[in-house]
Structure formats: structure tokens, C-alpha cells
Amino acid sequence: MHRRPRLLALTLALALPGCRESPPPPPPEPMAPMETSGPLKGQHGEALYKAERYHEAAWIFEQILRRGLPEDRPRVEFWLAKSYFKLYDYPRALAGFAAISEQPEHPYHTLAFPWLLSLYLHAMPPEPRLIAALLSYPEAEVRAEEAYDEVIADYDLLLAEQALRRGDARGALRYLEAAEREAGDYRSARMLLSAGRVRERLGQRDAARELFERCAARLSEQPPRRLRRYYRGNALDQWMWIEANRGLARTGGKPDERAMQ
């Protein structure tokens, strides 16, 4: 099956090795009450979502679920999680999509997977619940599902990082090479960083140094304006700077002192 190359967006971060996993977030509190015109109907919420009025859409979907209104509940759950994602409310988005992933019979189980993968790659540190939700989808089924063709390179990156965490550098390399074939190149800082780690683990110092340098160059770019508040709040960009520069130091490159400030 021919897979179409896709430009991977700049991803945010891997946690530093040795850092403890963060505790699971507390259950989300209801969104603040707000005024919105129109009925408390799922169809109206979807129209607001498509108009990029995500806060209003999320509030309507929440009210439908909390009041037990006679709507298509699984559909509302899915659209609510999407609305949270668009609002950069990633803990609530994770709670919604992970709950769907835990129900194989859920009609939106298949569609939740790419959103979970986006959370892993673009939005959040790898929390245990997020990893568990993604790995609950069997690999054979993911590769057989045509709806996942556009995210298969990102999926291979996930598997490479998990293999590296287990100490299986050669297995990680196989997945990374597959990701490179699918994407056309190591298109994201995250992929470059993981590829550098793998090459370093295998003793390929020159190749690792080149990958770390490319990662550091990519990270020198400013994040999109709408994400800067999230960057500052979580320091994920700093994690990646430190990781890339530690790799440079180990492979004989010159660290960028800005990373350590």
C-alpha cells in the first residue's frame, strides 16, 4: 500500500531521562459557565466547532453530557475531546480520548487514535495514561487501518521511542528508518532527537552529532505565537534544548550555552 509522505509539524518534547513520570492529572473541573446563543444540541455544538468557536462548542457538549440530554452521547464525547484539543486544554483532551480508547466498542474508537498520537507528538510530555492509550491499539491493526496512513510515520516514531526506553537500540533504529521512509526525512525536531539518541547508543558518533545539530537548529525557531504561553508554562522546549545539547557534548560537538540558562 502506497503511503503519502507528510510534513511532520514541529513537536514539543521528550522528558529528560531519569525524570520521574508526572502524576496523572486530577479529573477535569467543569468549564466556567458562559452565555451562548442557540440550543443545547450536539449539531449546534458541531457548527460552533466548525466556526472555530471552540469554547462555546465545548461548553455545549459538556452541558449535554452533564445533564444527560437525549443526544448521541458517544459522538458528543468525541467532539468534546476535539474541542478541548483545539483550546490547547490538553489534560481534558487526553481524558476524553483516553476514555474512548478504553472502549473498543465505542463508535469513535478508531478516530480517537490520531488525536491521541497528536497529543503524544505535539502537545504533552509522555504521561503513562497517554502511552497506555496509544499502545492499547494493536500494531497489526494500526498498520492495516487505511485511516491511519497519514500518521504512520508518527506511529513508528512512538514505537522507536518505546523501544529505546526498553534499551533496544536496534529495534528503535528499525522503526526510525521506517518513519524516515514514510515521512521522506526526519522532518521534526522530535524525530531528529530520537534518531540522534539511537545513533549515539549504537556508537555512530558522527551521525549522532549531525542529527543533534539539526535538532538544535530546528529548536532555535520561535514556537507559534498561540503556543508560547504553553511552552513557558511547561518548559518543554527547554527539555529538548538540554537533551540535544547533552547529545552534542557526548558526541564531540560544542553545546549551546543558552540551553542551560
Protein backbone atom coordinates (compact mmCIF):
# COMPACT_ATOMS: atom_id res chain seq x y z
CA MET A 1 0.00 0.00 0.00
CA HIS A 2 1.46 3.35 -1.02
CA ARG A 3 1.66 5.80 1.81
CA ARG A 4 1.75 9.51 1.15
CA PRO A 5 4.63 11.50 2.63
CA ARG A 6 3.52 14.15 5.10
CA LEU A 7 5.31 17.11 6.62
CA LEU A 8 5.54 16.43 10.32
CA ALA A 9 4.87 19.55 12.40
CA LEU A 10 7.42 20.77 14.95
CA THR A 11 6.83 18.62 18.01
CA LEU A 12 7.37 19.69 21.55
CA ALA A 13 9.28 17.32 23.79
CA LEU A 14 10.62 14.20 25.40
CA ALA A 15 11.09 14.24 29.15
CA LEU A 16 14.69 14.09 30.37
CA PRO A 17 15.94 10.57 31.09
CA GLY A 18 15.81 9.87 34.79
CA CYS A 19 12.95 12.28 35.46
CA ARG A 20 10.06 10.74 37.29
CA GLU A 21 6.84 10.38 35.37
CA SER A 22 4.43 13.12 36.30
CA PRO A 23 1.41 12.02 38.33
CA PRO A 24 -1.87 11.69 36.46
CA PRO A 25 -3.82 14.93 36.30
CA PRO A 26 -6.85 15.34 38.55
CA PRO A 27 -10.28 14.89 36.97
CA PRO A 28 -11.11 17.99 34.91
CA GLU A 29 -13.38 20.53 36.51
CA PRO A 30 -16.35 21.82 34.51
CA MET A 31 -15.64 24.76 32.24
CA ALA A 32 -16.68 28.17 33.51
CA PRO A 33 -20.33 28.99 32.84
CA MET A 34 -20.83 31.11 29.77
CA GLU A 35 -23.58 32.56 27.66
CA THR A 36 -24.07 31.23 24.17
CA SER A 37 -26.91 31.55 21.75
CA GLY A 38 -28.64 28.52 20.32
CA PRO A 39 -29.97 25.25 21.71
CA LEU A 40 -28.07 22.67 23.74
CA LYS A 41 -27.85 20.35 20.78
CA GLY A 42 -24.90 18.36 19.51
CA GLN A 43 -25.49 19.63 16.00
CA HIS A 44 -25.27 23.23 17.21
CA GLY A 45 -22.06 22.46 19.09
CA GLU A 46 -20.55 20.95 15.95
CA ALA A 47 -21.50 24.05 13.96
CA LEU A 48 -19.74 26.23 16.55
CA TYR A 49 -16.68 23.98 16.41
CA LYS A 50 -16.53 24.26 12.62
CA ALA A 51 -16.77 28.04 13.03
CA GLU A 52 -13.73 27.83 15.33
CA ARG A 53 -15.77 28.94 18.35
CA TYR A 54 -14.27 26.12 20.37
CA HIS A 55 -15.02 27.39 23.87
CA GLU A 56 -18.71 27.73 23.13
CA ALA A 57 -18.75 24.34 21.45
CA ALA A 58 -17.03 22.68 24.40
CA TRP A 59 -19.45 24.28 26.84
CA ILE A 60 -22.44 22.96 24.89
CA PHE A 61 -21.00 19.44 24.66
CA GLU A 62 -20.24 19.48 28.39
CA GLN A 63 -23.77 20.55 29.26
CA ILE A 64 -25.26 17.82 27.08
CA LEU A 65 -23.21 15.17 28.88
CA ARG A 66 -23.65 16.57 32.39
CA ARG A 67 -27.40 16.99 32.04
CA GLY A 68 -27.90 13.63 30.34
CA LEU A 69 -29.72 15.22 27.42
CA PRO A 70 -31.08 12.86 24.73
CA GLU A 71 -28.24 13.15 22.23
CA ASP A 72 -25.79 10.75 20.58
CA ARG A 73 -23.55 10.50 23.66
CA PRO A 74 -20.51 8.80 22.03
CA ARG A 75 -20.49 11.44 19.29
CA VAL A 76 -20.71 14.26 21.83
CA GLU A 77 -17.85 12.73 23.84
CA PHE A 78 -15.64 12.68 20.75
CA TRP A 79 -16.46 16.25 19.72
CA LEU A 80 -15.92 17.47 23.27
CA ALA A 81 -12.43 15.95 23.36
CA LYS A 82 -11.68 17.55 19.98
CA SER A 83 -12.85 20.92 21.29
CA TYR A 84 -10.56 20.65 24.31
CA PHE A 85 -7.65 19.87 21.99
CA LYS A 86 -8.38 22.94 19.87
CA LEU A 87 -8.45 25.02 23.06
CA TYR A 88 -4.98 23.66 23.99
CA ASP A 89 -6.62 22.14 27.06
CA TYR A 90 -4.55 19.00 26.65
CA PRO A 91 -5.26 17.31 30.02
CA ARG A 92 -9.01 17.40 29.32
CA ALA A 93 -8.44 16.27 25.73
CA LEU A 94 -6.37 13.34 26.98
CA ALA A 95 -9.05 12.38 29.49
CA GLY A 96 -11.67 12.34 26.72
CA PHE A 97 -9.71 10.49 24.06
CA ALA A 98 -8.20 8.01 26.52
CA ALA A 99 -11.66 7.13 27.81
CA ILE A 100 -12.73 6.42 24.24
CA SER A 101 -9.61 4.29 23.62
CA GLU A 102 -10.53 2.14 26.62
CA GLN A 103 -13.82 1.15 24.95
CA PRO A 104 -13.09 -0.89 21.78
CA GLU A 105 -16.82 -0.93 21.05
CA HIS A 106 -17.02 2.87 21.10
CA PRO A 107 -18.05 4.09 17.62
CA TYR A 108 -15.25 6.67 17.67
CA HIS A 109 -12.55 4.30 18.94
CA THR A 110 -10.75 4.28 15.57
CA LEU A 111 -10.94 8.05 15.13
CA ALA A 112 -9.54 8.73 18.60
CA PHE A 113 -6.15 7.20 17.77
CA PRO A 114 -4.74 10.01 15.56
CA TRP A 115 -5.79 12.58 18.16
CA LEU A 116 -4.00 10.64 20.90
CA LEU A 117 -0.93 10.43 18.69
CA SER A 118 -1.08 14.20 18.17
CA LEU A 119 -1.14 14.67 21.93
CA TYR A 120 1.92 12.45 22.25
CA LEU A 121 3.87 14.18 19.49
CA HIS A 122 2.79 17.78 19.62
CA ALA A 123 1.24 18.63 22.93
CA MET A 124 2.23 16.75 26.06
CA PRO A 125 5.02 15.01 27.94
CA PRO A 126 4.54 11.23 27.65
CA GLU A 127 2.24 10.59 30.60
CA PRO A 128 1.64 6.92 31.43
CA ARG A 129 -2.06 7.10 30.57
CA LEU A 130 -1.28 8.56 27.16
CA ILE A 131 1.30 5.85 26.39
CA ALA A 132 -1.09 3.15 27.59
CA ALA A 133 -3.92 4.51 25.45
CA LEU A 134 -1.77 4.51 22.31
CA LEU A 135 -0.28 1.08 22.90
CA SER A 136 -3.74 -0.37 23.52
CA TYR A 137 -4.22 -0.25 19.74
CA PRO A 138 -2.55 -3.45 18.40
CA GLU A 139 0.26 -2.69 15.96
CA ALA A 140 -1.10 -5.05 13.31
CA GLU A 141 -4.46 -3.28 13.41
CA VAL A 142 -2.87 0.17 13.21
CA ARG A 143 -0.88 -0.81 10.12
CA ALA A 144 -3.90 -2.40 8.48
CA GLU A 145 -6.18 0.62 9.06
CA GLU A 146 -6.17 2.87 5.99
CA ALA A 147 -7.45 5.78 8.07
CA TYR A 148 -4.03 5.85 9.77
CA ASP A 149 -1.94 6.11 6.61
CA GLU A 150 -1.22 9.80 7.21
CA VAL A 151 0.09 9.23 10.74
CA ILE A 152 2.04 6.00 10.29
CA ALA A 153 5.41 7.80 10.37
CA ASP A 154 4.45 9.37 13.70
CA TYR A 155 3.37 5.94 14.95
CA ASP A 156 6.75 4.48 14.00
CA LEU A 157 8.38 7.29 15.98
CA LEU A 158 6.30 6.35 19.01
CA LEU A 159 7.38 2.71 18.70
CA ALA A 160 11.03 3.74 18.21
CA GLU A 161 10.97 5.82 21.40
CA GLN A 162 9.38 3.00 23.35
CA ALA A 163 11.98 0.54 22.03
CA LEU A 164 14.75 2.94 23.06
CA ARG A 165 13.26 3.24 26.56
CA ARG A 166 13.48 -0.57 26.79
CA GLY A 167 17.15 -0.44 25.76
CA ASP A 168 16.50 -1.97 22.32
CA ALA A 169 18.52 0.46 20.19
CA ARG A 170 18.49 -1.72 17.07
CA GLY A 171 14.72 -2.15 17.28
CA ALA A 172 14.39 1.61 17.69
CA LEU A 173 16.57 2.12 14.61
CA ARG A 174 14.31 -0.11 12.52
CA TYR A 175 11.26 1.92 13.48
CA LEU A 176 13.05 5.23 12.90
CA GLU A 177 14.20 4.14 9.45
CA ALA A 178 10.61 3.21 8.68
CA ALA A 179 9.47 6.63 9.90
CA GLU A 180 12.07 8.28 7.69
CA ARG A 181 10.82 6.35 4.65
CA GLU A 182 7.24 7.28 5.37
CA ALA A 183 7.91 10.97 6.06
CA GLY A 184 10.58 11.47 3.41
CA ASP A 185 13.08 12.72 6.03
CA TYR A 186 13.40 13.37 9.75
CA ARG A 187 11.07 16.33 9.47
CA SER A 188 10.53 17.21 13.12
CA ALA A 189 12.81 18.13 15.98
CA ARG A 190 11.41 15.17 17.88
CA MET A 191 12.37 12.71 15.15
CA LEU A 192 15.84 14.24 14.85
CA LEU A 193 16.37 14.00 18.59
CA SER A 194 15.25 10.37 18.77
CA ALA A 195 17.32 9.42 15.74
CA GLY A 196 20.38 11.06 17.33
CA ARG A 197 19.85 9.15 20.55
CA VAL A 198 19.63 5.87 18.67
CA ARG A 199 22.73 6.54 16.57
CA GLU A 200 24.63 7.56 19.70
CA ARG A 201 23.54 4.40 21.52
CA LEU A 202 24.85 2.37 18.59
CA GLY A 203 28.20 4.14 18.71
CA GLN A 204 27.68 6.08 15.46
CA ARG A 205 29.08 9.33 16.81
CA ASP A 206 29.35 11.33 13.58
CA ALA A 207 25.81 10.50 12.50
CA ALA A 208 24.52 11.29 16.01
CA ARG A 209 26.30 14.65 16.08
CA GLU A 210 24.79 15.65 12.73
CA LEU A 211 21.30 14.74 13.92
CA PHE A 212 21.69 16.61 17.22
CA GLU A 213 22.94 19.68 15.37
CA ARG A 214 19.94 19.59 13.05
CA CYS A 215 17.67 19.21 16.09
CA ALA A 216 19.27 22.20 17.82
CA ALA A 217 18.91 24.30 14.67
CA ARG A 218 15.23 23.42 14.44
CA LEU A 219 14.68 24.29 18.08
CA SER A 220 16.18 27.75 17.61
CA GLU A 221 12.98 28.73 15.84
CA GLN A 222 10.32 30.53 17.85
CA PRO A 223 7.21 28.46 18.62
CA PRO A 224 3.92 29.66 17.13
CA ARG A 225 2.53 32.66 19.00
CA ARG A 226 -0.53 30.76 20.19
CA LEU A 227 1.68 28.13 21.85
CA ARG A 228 4.18 30.39 23.61
CA ARG A 229 2.18 30.50 26.83
CA TYR A 230 2.10 26.70 26.88
CA TYR A 231 5.83 26.49 26.20
CA ARG A 232 6.63 28.84 29.08
CA GLY A 233 4.30 27.02 31.44
CA ASN A 234 5.77 23.58 30.82
CA ALA A 235 9.37 24.34 29.80
CA LEU A 236 9.14 21.59 27.20
CA ASP A 237 11.28 23.48 24.74
CA GLN A 238 14.00 23.75 27.38
CA TRP A 239 13.86 20.00 27.95
CA MET A 240 14.54 19.43 24.30
CA TRP A 241 17.32 22.03 24.21
CA ILE A 242 19.05 20.35 27.12
CA GLU A 243 18.64 16.90 25.60
CA ALA A 244 20.02 17.97 22.23
CA ASN A 245 22.97 19.75 23.77
CA ARG A 246 23.84 16.88 26.09
CA GLY A 247 23.93 14.71 23.00
CA LEU A 248 26.22 17.21 21.26
CA ALA A 249 28.55 17.19 24.23
CA ARG A 250 28.72 13.39 24.28
CA THR A 251 29.46 13.19 20.56
CA GLY A 252 32.12 15.89 20.49
CA GLY A 253 30.02 18.86 19.40
CA LYS A 254 30.00 22.23 21.10
CA PRO A 255 26.99 22.74 23.39
CA ASP A 256 24.88 25.85 23.08
CA GLU A 257 25.09 27.57 26.46
CA ARG A 258 21.63 29.10 26.00
CA ALA A 259 20.16 25.67 26.65
CA MET A 260 21.46 25.60 30.18
CA GLN A 261 20.18 29.03 31.24
